[in-house]
């Protein structure tokens, strides 16, 4: 069964958002080396990320782990959903696709692949 493996929080003011979530939940939030991205340590393990909001309507995105983003992207479309960001690599980590469900909710699918380029 697939489950949520990562989440991303967009922020207009990253330092303000970092302070809010750190104080609220006790999360450790630190810059991710080589990227304009903050990693969120949730209870001793990476669980999320934070980045600058890319567009005014951008909301928190949950990523569901799947064995193949290609296979699941095809399933999304077959079931009436849409692909809004096609397959992209996170080098050395994996691949993701951002989808829209039939109710206009965005979500991501994530395929772990340490050889991703």
C-alpha atoms as a PDB file:
ATOM      1  CA  UNK A   1       0.000   0.000   0.000  1.00  0.00           C
ATOM      2  CA  UNK A   2       1.278   3.466  -0.868  1.00  0.00           C
ATOM      3  CA  UNK A   3       1.624   6.123   1.810  1.00  0.00           C
ATOM      4  CA  UNK A   4       2.710   9.742   2.171  1.00  0.00           C
ATOM      5  CA  UNK A   5       6.505   9.850   2.118  1.00  0.00           C
ATOM      6  CA  UNK A   6       7.191  13.595   1.921  1.00  0.00           C
ATOM      7  CA  UNK A   7       5.448  16.969   2.082  1.00  0.00           C
ATOM      8  CA  UNK A   8       6.409  20.451   0.912  1.00  0.00           C
ATOM      9  CA  UNK A   9       5.400  23.745   2.465  1.00  0.00           C
ATOM     10  CA  UNK A  10       5.610  26.821   0.214  1.00  0.00           C
ATOM     11  CA  UNK A  11       6.315  30.104   2.012  1.00  0.00           C
ATOM     12  CA  UNK A  12       6.356  33.778   1.124  1.00  0.00           C
ATOM     13  CA  UNK A  13       8.825  34.396   3.961  1.00  0.00           C
ATOM     14  CA  UNK A  14      10.844  31.234   4.593  1.00  0.00           C
ATOM     15  CA  UNK A  15      12.411  32.446   7.844  1.00  0.00           C
ATOM     16  CA  UNK A  16       9.003  33.391   9.263  1.00  0.00           C
ATOM     17  CA  UNK A  17       7.549  29.994   8.231  1.00  0.00           C
ATOM     18  CA  UNK A  18      10.604  28.197   9.623  1.00  0.00           C
ATOM     19  CA  UNK A  19      10.143  29.934  12.993  1.00  0.00           C
ATOM     20  CA  UNK A  20       6.402  29.159  12.999  1.00  0.00           C
ATOM     21  CA  UNK A  21       6.711  25.421  12.323  1.00  0.00           C
ATOM     22  CA  UNK A  22       9.799  24.997  14.501  1.00  0.00           C
ATOM     23  CA  UNK A  23       8.061  26.648  17.450  1.00  0.00           C
ATOM     24  CA  UNK A  24       4.738  24.906  16.818  1.00  0.00           C
ATOM     25  CA  UNK A  25       5.920  21.326  16.302  1.00  0.00           C
ATOM     26  CA  UNK A  26       9.553  21.341  17.414  1.00  0.00           C
ATOM     27  CA  UNK A  27      10.699  20.462  13.891  1.00  0.00           C
ATOM     28  CA  UNK A  28      14.352  20.940  12.969  1.00  0.00           C
ATOM     29  CA  UNK A  29      14.468  22.846   9.654  1.00  0.00           C
ATOM     30  CA  UNK A  30      17.790  23.338   7.872  1.00  0.00           C
ATOM     31  CA  UNK A  31      19.036  24.381   4.435  1.00  0.00           C
ATOM     32  CA  UNK A  32      19.544  21.568   1.952  1.00  0.00           C
ATOM     33  CA  UNK A  33      23.038  21.726   0.506  1.00  0.00           C
ATOM     34  CA  UNK A  34      23.193  22.848  -3.102  1.00  0.00           C
ATOM     35  CA  UNK A  35      19.507  23.836  -3.370  1.00  0.00           C
ATOM     36  CA  UNK A  36      17.319  26.783  -2.434  1.00  0.00           C
ATOM     37  CA  UNK A  37      15.352  24.399  -0.222  1.00  0.00           C
ATOM     38  CA  UNK A  38      14.951  23.667   3.487  1.00  0.00           C
ATOM     39  CA  UNK A  39      14.638  20.091   4.777  1.00  0.00           C
ATOM     40  CA  UNK A  40      12.250  19.446   7.643  1.00  0.00           C
ATOM     41  CA  UNK A  41      13.289  16.814  10.170  1.00  0.00           C
ATOM     42  CA  UNK A  42      10.126  15.324  11.646  1.00  0.00           C
ATOM     43  CA  UNK A  43      10.727  13.326  14.817  1.00  0.00           C
ATOM     44  CA  UNK A  44      14.291  12.397  13.888  1.00  0.00           C
ATOM     45  CA  UNK A  45      13.785  11.640  10.183  1.00  0.00           C
ATOM     46  CA  UNK A  46      13.464  13.737   7.039  1.00  0.00           C
ATOM     47  CA  UNK A  47       9.777  14.152   6.341  1.00  0.00           C
ATOM     48  CA  UNK A  48       9.305  17.355   4.470  1.00  0.00           C
ATOM     49  CA  UNK A  49      10.660  20.405   2.807  1.00  0.00           C
ATOM     50  CA  UNK A  50      10.093  24.127   2.614  1.00  0.00           C
ATOM     51  CA  UNK A  51      10.730  26.468  -0.284  1.00  0.00           C
ATOM     52  CA  UNK A  52       9.856  29.876  -1.646  1.00  0.00           C
ATOM     53  CA  UNK A  53       6.269  29.990  -2.920  1.00  0.00           C
ATOM     54  CA  UNK A  54       6.384  29.757  -6.735  1.00  0.00           C
ATOM     55  CA  UNK A  55       2.888  31.103  -7.480  1.00  0.00           C
ATOM     56  CA  UNK A  56       0.124  32.703  -5.369  1.00  0.00           C
ATOM     57  CA  UNK A  57      -2.121  29.616  -5.357  1.00  0.00           C
ATOM     58  CA  UNK A  58       0.604  27.131  -4.362  1.00  0.00           C
ATOM     59  CA  UNK A  59      -0.421  25.062  -1.351  1.00  0.00           C
ATOM     60  CA  UNK A  60       1.179  22.324   0.770  1.00  0.00           C
ATOM     61  CA  UNK A  61       1.846  19.267  -1.404  1.00  0.00           C
ATOM     62  CA  UNK A  62       1.937  15.687  -0.138  1.00  0.00           C
ATOM     63  CA  UNK A  63       3.997  13.088  -1.997  1.00  0.00           C
ATOM     64  CA  UNK A  64       2.873   9.475  -2.075  1.00  0.00           C
ATOM     65  CA  UNK A  65       5.543   6.821  -2.547  1.00  0.00           C
ATOM     66  CA  UNK A  66       5.035   4.545  -5.564  1.00  0.00           C
ATOM     67  CA  UNK A  67       7.202   1.894  -7.230  1.00  0.00           C
ATOM     68  CA  UNK A  68       7.072   3.701 -10.623  1.00  0.00           C
ATOM     69  CA  UNK A  69       6.032   7.308 -11.317  1.00  0.00           C
ATOM     70  CA  UNK A  70       5.605   6.402 -14.998  1.00  0.00           C
ATOM     71  CA  UNK A  71       3.124   3.635 -14.170  1.00  0.00           C
ATOM     72  CA  UNK A  72       1.197   5.700 -11.629  1.00  0.00           C
ATOM     73  CA  UNK A  73       1.121   8.841 -13.826  1.00  0.00           C
ATOM     74  CA  UNK A  74      -0.560   6.712 -16.498  1.00  0.00           C
ATOM     75  CA  UNK A  75      -3.063   5.453 -13.881  1.00  0.00           C
ATOM     76  CA  UNK A  76      -3.807   9.044 -12.798  1.00  0.00           C
ATOM     77  CA  UNK A  77      -4.746   9.972 -16.363  1.00  0.00           C
ATOM     78  CA  UNK A  78      -6.709   6.753 -16.948  1.00  0.00           C
ATOM     79  CA  UNK A  79      -8.792   7.522 -13.839  1.00  0.00           C
ATOM     80  CA  UNK A  80      -9.592  11.074 -14.982  1.00  0.00           C
ATOM     81  CA  UNK A  81      -6.816  12.994 -13.234  1.00  0.00           C
ATOM     82  CA  UNK A  82      -4.205  15.223 -14.860  1.00  0.00           C
ATOM     83  CA  UNK A  83      -0.441  15.543 -14.844  1.00  0.00           C
ATOM     84  CA  UNK A  84       0.450  19.149 -14.029  1.00  0.00           C
ATOM     85  CA  UNK A  85       4.235  18.726 -13.659  1.00  0.00           C
ATOM     86  CA  UNK A  86       5.723  15.890 -15.718  1.00  0.00           C
ATOM     87  CA  UNK A  87       8.388  13.511 -14.414  1.00  0.00           C
ATOM     88  CA  UNK A  88      11.397  15.301 -12.970  1.00  0.00           C
ATOM     89  CA  UNK A  89      14.531  13.914 -11.378  1.00  0.00           C
ATOM     90  CA  UNK A  90      15.972  14.855  -8.028  1.00  0.00           C
ATOM     91  CA  UNK A  91      19.554  13.707  -8.698  1.00  0.00           C
ATOM     92  CA  UNK A  92      20.682  10.893  -6.451  1.00  0.00           C
ATOM     93  CA  UNK A  93      17.269  10.643  -4.763  1.00  0.00           C
ATOM     94  CA  UNK A  94      14.451   9.797  -7.159  1.00  0.00           C
ATOM     95  CA  UNK A  95      11.720  11.050  -9.482  1.00  0.00           C
ATOM     96  CA  UNK A  96       8.486  12.924  -8.933  1.00  0.00           C
ATOM     97  CA  UNK A  97       5.358  13.892 -10.857  1.00  0.00           C
ATOM     98  CA  UNK A  98       2.780  16.434  -9.680  1.00  0.00           C
ATOM     99  CA  UNK A  99      -0.796  15.393 -10.391  1.00  0.00           C
ATOM    100  CA  UNK A 100      -4.298  16.818 -10.105  1.00  0.00           C
ATOM    101  CA  UNK A 101      -7.075  14.525  -8.927  1.00  0.00           C
ATOM    102  CA  UNK A 102     -10.670  14.598 -10.209  1.00  0.00           C
ATOM    103  CA  UNK A 103     -11.558  17.153  -7.491  1.00  0.00           C
ATOM    104  CA  UNK A 104      -8.787  19.639  -8.450  1.00  0.00           C
ATOM    105  CA  UNK A 105      -6.497  18.701  -5.566  1.00  0.00           C
ATOM    106  CA  UNK A 106      -2.787  18.640  -6.349  1.00  0.00           C
ATOM    107  CA  UNK A 107      -0.578  15.852  -5.029  1.00  0.00           C
ATOM    108  CA  UNK A 108       2.777  14.366  -5.886  1.00  0.00           C
ATOM    109  CA  UNK A 109       3.922  10.842  -6.564  1.00  0.00           C
ATOM    110  CA  UNK A 110       7.479   9.905  -5.645  1.00  0.00           C
ATOM    111  CA  UNK A 111       9.688   7.068  -6.855  1.00  0.00           C
ATOM    112  CA  UNK A 112      12.829   6.443  -4.805  1.00  0.00           C
ATOM    113  CA  UNK A 113      15.765   5.875  -7.147  1.00  0.00           C
ATOM    114  CA  UNK A 114      19.300   6.649  -5.962  1.00  0.00           C
ATOM    115  CA  UNK A 115      20.580   6.605  -9.569  1.00  0.00           C
ATOM    116  CA  UNK A 116      18.208   9.385 -10.719  1.00  0.00           C
ATOM    117  CA  UNK A 117      19.882  12.043 -12.870  1.00  0.00           C
END
